[in-house]
Amino acid sequence: MDERYTSVNAASEASGISVSHVRRLLVSGRVKGRKLGRDWIVDSESLMEFVSNRPKRGRKSTRQPLDKQER
């Protein structure tokens, strides 16, 4: 296999993204890859580009700590 490509499982471990999410990214075209039979191989560069450009998750809480709340 070309060094540019990796398995979905290896891509998942390297990126911290679940296997099922990597597959969804491939099917949607957000990450480049190839389908060989029933299996996908992932373009490593494309996946790392996706990971580095995705927005960070999480929100800032708008709630005040209990000791600062008005009663």
PDB file of N, CA and C in Angstrom:
ATOM      1  N   MET A   1       0.850  -1.175   0.000  1.00  0.00           N
ATOM      2  CA  MET A   1       0.000   0.000   0.000  1.00  0.00           C
ATOM      3  C   MET A   1       0.897   1.240   0.000  1.00  0.00           C
ATOM      4  N   ASP A   2       0.461   2.266  -0.698  1.00  0.00           N
ATOM      5  CA  ASP A   2       1.155   3.543  -0.772  1.00  0.00           C
ATOM      6  C   ASP A   2       1.277   4.144   0.637  1.00  0.00           C
ATOM      7  N   GLU A   3       2.428   4.727   0.941  1.00  0.00           N
ATOM      8  CA  GLU A   3       2.651   5.299   2.276  1.00  0.00           C
ATOM      9  C   GLU A   3       1.729   6.476   2.563  1.00  0.00           C
ATOM     10  N   ARG A   4       1.195   7.065   1.525  1.00  0.00           N
ATOM     11  CA  ARG A   4       0.294   8.202   1.700  1.00  0.00           C
ATOM     12  C   ARG A   4      -1.035   7.771   2.316  1.00  0.00           C
ATOM     13  N   TYR A   5      -1.388   6.529   2.130  1.00  0.00           N
ATOM     14  CA  TYR A   5      -2.665   6.009   2.604  1.00  0.00           C
ATOM     15  C   TYR A   5      -2.482   5.129   3.836  1.00  0.00           C
ATOM     16  N   THR A   6      -3.511   5.114   4.673  1.00  0.00           N
ATOM     17  CA  THR A   6      -3.496   4.295   5.876  1.00  0.00           C
ATOM     18  C   THR A   6      -4.887   3.706   6.091  1.00  0.00           C
ATOM     19  N   SER A   7      -4.978   2.718   6.941  1.00  0.00           N
ATOM     20  CA  SER A   7      -6.277   2.103   7.220  1.00  0.00           C
ATOM     21  C   SER A   7      -7.131   3.038   8.074  1.00  0.00           C
ATOM     22  N   VAL A   8      -8.421   2.788   8.083  1.00  0.00           N
ATOM     23  CA  VAL A   8      -9.338   3.592   8.892  1.00  0.00           C
ATOM     24  C   VAL A   8      -8.985   3.457  10.372  1.00  0.00           C
ATOM     25  N   ASN A   9      -8.641   2.254  10.804  1.00  0.00           N
ATOM     26  CA  ASN A   9      -8.295   2.048  12.221  1.00  0.00           C
ATOM     27  C   ASN A   9      -7.048   2.830  12.606  1.00  0.00           C
ATOM     28  N   ALA A  10      -6.010   2.789  11.778  1.00  0.00           N
ATOM     29  CA  ALA A  10      -4.779   3.526  12.069  1.00  0.00           C
ATOM     30  C   ALA A  10      -5.030   5.033  12.025  1.00  0.00           C
ATOM     31  N   ALA A  11      -5.854   5.478  11.084  1.00  0.00           N
ATOM     32  CA  ALA A  11      -6.185   6.902  10.992  1.00  0.00           C
ATOM     33  C   ALA A  11      -6.954   7.359  12.226  1.00  0.00           C
ATOM     34  N   SER A  12      -7.830   6.515  12.710  1.00  0.00           N
ATOM     35  CA  SER A  12      -8.599   6.826  13.909  1.00  0.00           C
ATOM     36  C   SER A  12      -7.681   6.999  15.118  1.00  0.00           C
ATOM     37  N   GLU A  13      -6.764   6.080  15.290  1.00  0.00           N
ATOM     38  CA  GLU A  13      -5.827   6.155  16.419  1.00  0.00           C
ATOM     39  C   GLU A  13      -4.931   7.383  16.321  1.00  0.00           C
ATOM     40  N   ALA A  14      -4.446   7.693  15.133  1.00  0.00           N
ATOM     41  CA  ALA A  14      -3.526   8.817  14.945  1.00  0.00           C
ATOM     42  C   ALA A  14      -4.208  10.166  15.150  1.00  0.00           C
ATOM     43  N   SER A  15      -5.501  10.241  14.810  1.00  0.00           N
ATOM     44  CA  SER A  15      -6.203  11.522  14.850  1.00  0.00           C
ATOM     45  C   SER A  15      -7.037  11.733  16.110  1.00  0.00           C
ATOM     46  N   GLY A  16      -7.358  10.642  16.800  1.00  0.00           N
ATOM     47  CA  GLY A  16      -8.232  10.764  17.969  1.00  0.00           C
ATOM     48  C   GLY A  16      -9.704  10.842  17.597  1.00  0.00           C
ATOM     49  N   ILE A  17     -10.012  10.555  16.343  1.00  0.00           N
ATOM     50  CA  ILE A  17     -11.396  10.549  15.861  1.00  0.00           C
ATOM     51  C   ILE A  17     -11.859   9.095  15.810  1.00  0.00           C
ATOM     52  N   SER A  18     -13.106   8.847  16.177  1.00  0.00           N
ATOM     53  CA  SER A  18     -13.599   7.470  16.185  1.00  0.00           C
ATOM     54  C   SER A  18     -13.596   6.882  14.779  1.00  0.00           C
ATOM     55  N   VAL A  19     -13.535   5.572  14.712  1.00  0.00           N
ATOM     56  CA  VAL A  19     -13.524   4.852  13.432  1.00  0.00           C
ATOM     57  C   VAL A  19     -14.777   5.196  12.627  1.00  0.00           C
ATOM     58  N   SER A  20     -15.925   5.204  13.278  1.00  0.00           N
ATOM     59  CA  SER A  20     -17.173   5.483  12.553  1.00  0.00           C
ATOM     60  C   SER A  20     -17.196   6.918  12.022  1.00  0.00           C
ATOM     61  N   HIS A  21     -16.620   7.861  12.764  1.00  0.00           N
ATOM     62  CA  HIS A  21     -16.589   9.242  12.289  1.00  0.00           C
ATOM     63  C   HIS A  21     -15.627   9.392  11.109  1.00  0.00           C
ATOM     64  N   VAL A  22     -14.504   8.697  11.150  1.00  0.00           N
ATOM     65  CA  VAL A  22     -13.574   8.716  10.011  1.00  0.00           C
ATOM     66  C   VAL A  22     -14.288   8.194   8.770  1.00  0.00           C
ATOM     67  N   ARG A  23     -15.053   7.124   8.907  1.00  0.00           N
ATOM     68  CA  ARG A  23     -15.799   6.580   7.762  1.00  0.00           C
ATOM     69  C   ARG A  23     -16.819   7.586   7.243  1.00  0.00           C
ATOM     70  N   ARG A  24     -17.521   8.272   8.164  1.00  0.00           N
ATOM     71  CA  ARG A  24     -18.491   9.290   7.731  1.00  0.00           C
ATOM     72  C   ARG A  24     -17.804  10.426   6.975  1.00  0.00           C
ATOM     73  N   LEU A  25     -16.620  10.824   7.440  1.00  0.00           N
ATOM     74  CA  LEU A  25     -15.858  11.876   6.757  1.00  0.00           C
ATOM     75  C   LEU A  25     -15.469  11.438   5.348  1.00  0.00           C
ATOM     76  N   LEU A  26     -15.108  10.173   5.198  1.00  0.00           N
ATOM     77  CA  LEU A  26     -14.750   9.636   3.884  1.00  0.00           C
ATOM     78  C   LEU A  26     -15.959   9.612   2.947  1.00  0.00           C
ATOM     79  N   VAL A  27     -17.069   9.102   3.440  1.00  0.00           N
ATOM     80  CA  VAL A  27     -18.276   8.994   2.616  1.00  0.00           C
ATOM     81  C   VAL A  27     -18.762  10.377   2.187  1.00  0.00           C
ATOM     82  N   SER A  28     -18.680  11.358   3.087  1.00  0.00           N
ATOM     83  CA  SER A  28     -19.150  12.712   2.773  1.00  0.00           C
ATOM     84  C   SER A  28     -18.170  13.484   1.889  1.00  0.00           C
ATOM     85  N   GLY A  29     -16.945  12.992   1.762  1.00  0.00           N
ATOM     86  CA  GLY A  29     -15.944  13.666   0.943  1.00  0.00           C
ATOM     87  C   GLY A  29     -15.161  14.746   1.679  1.00  0.00           C
ATOM     88  N   ARG A  30     -15.377  14.895   2.967  1.00  0.00           N
ATOM     89  CA  ARG A  30     -14.650  15.905   3.741  1.00  0.00           C
ATOM     90  C   ARG A  30     -13.200  15.502   3.949  1.00  0.00           C
ATOM     91  N   VAL A  31     -12.929  14.199   3.873  1.00  0.00           N
ATOM     92  CA  VAL A  31     -11.567  13.661   3.930  1.00  0.00           C
ATOM     93  C   VAL A  31     -11.407  12.764   2.708  1.00  0.00           C
ATOM     94  N   LYS A  32     -10.261  12.861   2.057  1.00  0.00           N
ATOM     95  CA  LYS A  32     -10.006  12.060   0.856  1.00  0.00           C
ATOM     96  C   LYS A  32      -9.623  10.639   1.236  1.00  0.00           C
ATOM     97  N   GLY A  33     -10.001   9.718   0.377  1.00  0.00           N
ATOM     98  CA  GLY A  33      -9.659   8.316   0.575  1.00  0.00           C
ATOM     99  C   GLY A  33     -10.130   7.504  -0.619  1.00  0.00           C
ATOM    100  N   ARG A  34      -9.932   6.208  -0.514  1.00  0.00           N
ATOM    101  CA  ARG A  34     -10.346   5.291  -1.574  1.00  0.00           C
ATOM    102  C   ARG A  34     -11.049   4.103  -0.952  1.00  0.00           C
ATOM    103  N   LYS A  35     -11.991   3.576  -1.684  1.00  0.00           N
ATOM    104  CA  LYS A  35     -12.680   2.378  -1.240  1.00  0.00           C
ATOM    105  C   LYS A  35     -12.115   1.199  -2.021  1.00  0.00           C
ATOM    106  N   LEU A  36     -11.585   0.240  -1.300  1.00  0.00           N
ATOM    107  CA  LEU A  36     -11.056  -0.982  -1.905  1.00  0.00           C
ATOM    108  C   LEU A  36     -11.954  -2.134  -1.470  1.00  0.00           C
ATOM    109  N   GLY A  37     -12.817  -2.569  -2.378  1.00  0.00           N
ATOM    110  CA  GLY A  37     -13.793  -3.578  -1.995  1.00  0.00           C
ATOM    111  C   GLY A  37     -14.769  -2.968  -1.004  1.00  0.00           C
ATOM    112  N   ARG A  38     -14.819  -3.514   0.188  1.00  0.00           N
ATOM    113  CA  ARG A  38     -15.710  -2.955   1.206  1.00  0.00           C
ATOM    114  C   ARG A  38     -14.957  -2.102   2.220  1.00  0.00           C
ATOM    115  N   ASP A  39     -13.648  -2.038   2.099  1.00  0.00           N
ATOM    116  CA  ASP A  39     -12.816  -1.298   3.055  1.00  0.00           C
ATOM    117  C   ASP A  39     -12.363   0.039   2.493  1.00  0.00           C
ATOM    118  N   TRP A  40     -12.170   0.994   3.387  1.00  0.00           N
ATOM    119  CA  TRP A  40     -11.655   2.311   3.028  1.00  0.00           C
ATOM    120  C   TRP A  40     -10.195   2.419   3.415  1.00  0.00           C
ATOM    121  N   ILE A  41      -9.452   3.176   2.610  1.00  0.00           N
ATOM    122  CA  ILE A  41      -8.123   3.619   3.021  1.00  0.00           C
ATOM    123  C   ILE A  41      -8.161   5.144   3.005  1.00  0.00           C
ATOM    124  N   VAL A  42      -7.456   5.746   3.935  1.00  0.00           N
ATOM    125  CA  VAL A  42      -7.543   7.175   4.181  1.00  0.00           C
ATOM    126  C   VAL A  42      -6.282   7.867   3.690  1.00  0.00           C
ATOM    127  N   ASP A  43      -6.458   8.996   3.020  1.00  0.00           N
ATOM    128  CA  ASP A  43      -5.340   9.853   2.638  1.00  0.00           C
ATOM    129  C   ASP A  43      -4.887  10.564   3.918  1.00  0.00           C
ATOM    130  N   SER A  44      -3.719  10.208   4.408  1.00  0.00           N
ATOM    131  CA  SER A  44      -3.228  10.710   5.696  1.00  0.00           C
ATOM    132  C   SER A  44      -3.133  12.234   5.723  1.00  0.00           C
ATOM    133  N   GLU A  45      -2.644  12.831   4.653  1.00  0.00           N
ATOM    134  CA  GLU A  45      -2.511  14.288   4.594  1.00  0.00           C
ATOM    135  C   GLU A  45      -3.869  14.969   4.701  1.00  0.00           C
ATOM    136  N   SER A  46      -4.852  14.428   4.008  1.00  0.00           N
ATOM    137  CA  SER A  46      -6.188  15.001   4.022  1.00  0.00           C
ATOM    138  C   SER A  46      -6.798  14.938   5.428  1.00  0.00           C
ATOM    139  N   LEU A  47      -6.612  13.812   6.104  1.00  0.00           N
ATOM    140  CA  LEU A  47      -7.150  13.667   7.460  1.00  0.00           C
ATOM    141  C   LEU A  47      -6.465  14.631   8.427  1.00  0.00           C
ATOM    142  N   MET A  48      -5.144  14.752   8.358  1.00  0.00           N
ATOM    143  CA  MET A  48      -4.435  15.649   9.267  1.00  0.00           C
ATOM    144  C   MET A  48      -4.794  17.111   8.991  1.00  0.00           C
ATOM    145  N   GLU A  49      -5.043  17.437   7.732  1.00  0.00           N
ATOM    146  CA  GLU A  49      -5.492  18.791   7.391  1.00  0.00           C
ATOM    147  C   GLU A  49      -6.869  19.051   8.003  1.00  0.00           C
ATOM    148  N   PHE A  50      -7.771  18.060   7.906  1.00  0.00           N
ATOM    149  CA  PHE A  50      -9.092  18.193   8.507  1.00  0.00           C
ATOM    150  C   PHE A  50      -8.977  18.400  10.011  1.00  0.00           C
ATOM    151  N   VAL A  51      -8.142  17.600  10.668  1.00  0.00           N
ATOM    152  CA  VAL A  51      -7.991  17.689  12.122  1.00  0.00           C
ATOM    153  C   VAL A  51      -7.444  19.058  12.530  1.00  0.00           C
ATOM    154  N   SER A  52      -6.475  19.567  11.807  1.00  0.00           N
ATOM    155  CA  SER A  52      -5.870  20.845  12.188  1.00  0.00           C
ATOM    156  C   SER A  52      -6.784  22.033  11.909  1.00  0.00           C
ATOM    157  N   ASN A  53      -7.740  21.890  10.997  1.00  0.00           N
ATOM    158  CA  ASN A  53      -8.630  23.004  10.645  1.00  0.00           C
ATOM    159  C   ASN A  53     -10.005  22.943  11.291  1.00  0.00           C
ATOM    160  N   ARG A  54     -10.302  21.865  12.000  1.00  0.00           N
ATOM    161  CA  ARG A  54     -11.644  21.781  12.581  1.00  0.00           C
ATOM    162  C   ARG A  54     -11.740  22.689  13.803  1.00  0.00           C
ATOM    163  N   PRO A  55     -12.928  23.231  14.031  1.00  0.00           N
ATOM    164  CA  PRO A  55     -13.101  24.099  15.197  1.00  0.00           C
ATOM    165  C   PRO A  55     -12.975  23.300  16.492  1.00  0.00           C
ATOM    166  N   LYS A  56     -12.477  23.944  17.510  1.00  0.00           N
ATOM    167  CA  LYS A  56     -12.349  23.280  18.807  1.00  0.00           C
ATOM    168  C   LYS A  56     -13.729  23.091  19.410  1.00  0.00           C
ATOM    169  N   ARG A  57     -13.936  21.968  20.066  1.00  0.00           N
ATOM    170  CA  ARG A  57     -15.235  21.664  20.661  1.00  0.00           C
ATOM    171  C   ARG A  57     -15.327  22.241  22.051  1.00  0.00           C
ATOM    172  N   GLY A  58     -16.531  22.377  22.509  1.00  0.00           N
ATOM    173  CA  GLY A  58     -16.776  22.857  23.863  1.00  0.00           C
ATOM    174  C   GLY A  58     -17.279  24.286  23.844  1.00  0.00           C
ATOM    175  N   ARG A  59     -17.968  24.633  24.894  1.00  0.00           N
ATOM    176  CA  ARG A  59     -18.504  25.980  25.016  1.00  0.00           C
ATOM    177  C   ARG A  59     -18.097  26.555  26.353  1.00  0.00           C
ATOM    178  N   LYS A  60     -18.045  27.852  26.378  1.00  0.00           N
ATOM    179  CA  LYS A  60     -17.836  28.499  27.662  1.00  0.00           C
ATOM    180  C   LYS A  60     -19.173  28.539  28.379  1.00  0.00           C
ATOM    181  N   SER A  61     -19.156  28.246  29.624  1.00  0.00           N
ATOM    182  CA  SER A  61     -20.377  28.275  30.400  1.00  0.00           C
ATOM    183  C   SER A  61     -20.758  29.717  30.698  1.00  0.00           C
ATOM    184  N   THR A  62     -22.049  30.009  30.586  1.00  0.00           N
ATOM    185  CA  THR A  62     -22.529  31.346  30.919  1.00  0.00           C
ATOM    186  C   THR A  62     -23.038  31.394  32.353  1.00  0.00           C
ATOM    187  N   ARG A  63     -23.015  30.260  33.013  1.00  0.00           N
ATOM    188  CA  ARG A  63     -23.463  30.211  34.406  1.00  0.00           C
ATOM    189  C   ARG A  63     -22.365  30.700  35.327  1.00  0.00           C
ATOM    190  N   GLN A  64     -22.791  31.376  36.371  1.00  0.00           N
ATOM    191  CA  GLN A  64     -21.840  31.836  37.378  1.00  0.00           C
ATOM    192  C   GLN A  64     -21.618  30.716  38.392  1.00  0.00           C
ATOM    193  N   PRO A  65     -20.429  30.662  38.986  1.00  0.00           N
ATOM    194  CA  PRO A  65     -20.200  29.686  40.051  1.00  0.00           C
ATOM    195  C   PRO A  65     -21.196  29.908  41.183  1.00  0.00           C
ATOM    196  N   LEU A  66     -21.490  28.871  41.937  1.00  0.00           N
ATOM    197  CA  LEU A  66     -22.491  28.961  42.991  1.00  0.00           C
ATOM    198  C   LEU A  66     -22.197  30.080  43.990  1.00  0.00           C
ATOM    199  N   ASP A  67     -20.930  30.292  44.322  1.00  0.00           N
ATOM    200  CA  ASP A  67     -20.606  31.299  45.311  1.00  0.00           C
ATOM    201  C   ASP A  67     -20.779  32.726  44.761  1.00  0.00           C
ATOM    202  N   LYS A  68     -20.954  32.890  43.449  1.00  0.00           N
ATOM    203  CA  LYS A  68     -21.135  34.215  42.841  1.00  0.00           C
ATOM    204  C   LYS A  68     -22.569  34.491  42.448  1.00  0.00           C
ATOM    205  N   GLN A  69     -23.437  33.493  42.567  1.00  0.00           N
ATOM    206  CA  GLN A  69     -24.831  33.656  42.146  1.00  0.00           C
ATOM    207  C   GLN A  69     -25.600  34.504  43.136  1.00  0.00           C
ATOM    208  N   GLU A  70     -26.531  35.291  42.563  1.00  0.00           N
ATOM    209  CA  GLU A  70     -27.426  36.084  43.415  1.00  0.00           C
ATOM    210  C   GLU A  70     -28.521  35.168  43.915  1.00  0.00           C
ATOM    211  N   ARG A  71     -28.993  35.437  45.108  1.00  0.00           N
ATOM    212  CA  ARG A  71     -30.072  34.610  45.669  1.00  0.00           C
ATOM    213  C   ARG A  71     -31.329  35.388  45.800  1.00  0.00           C
TER     214      ARG A  71
END
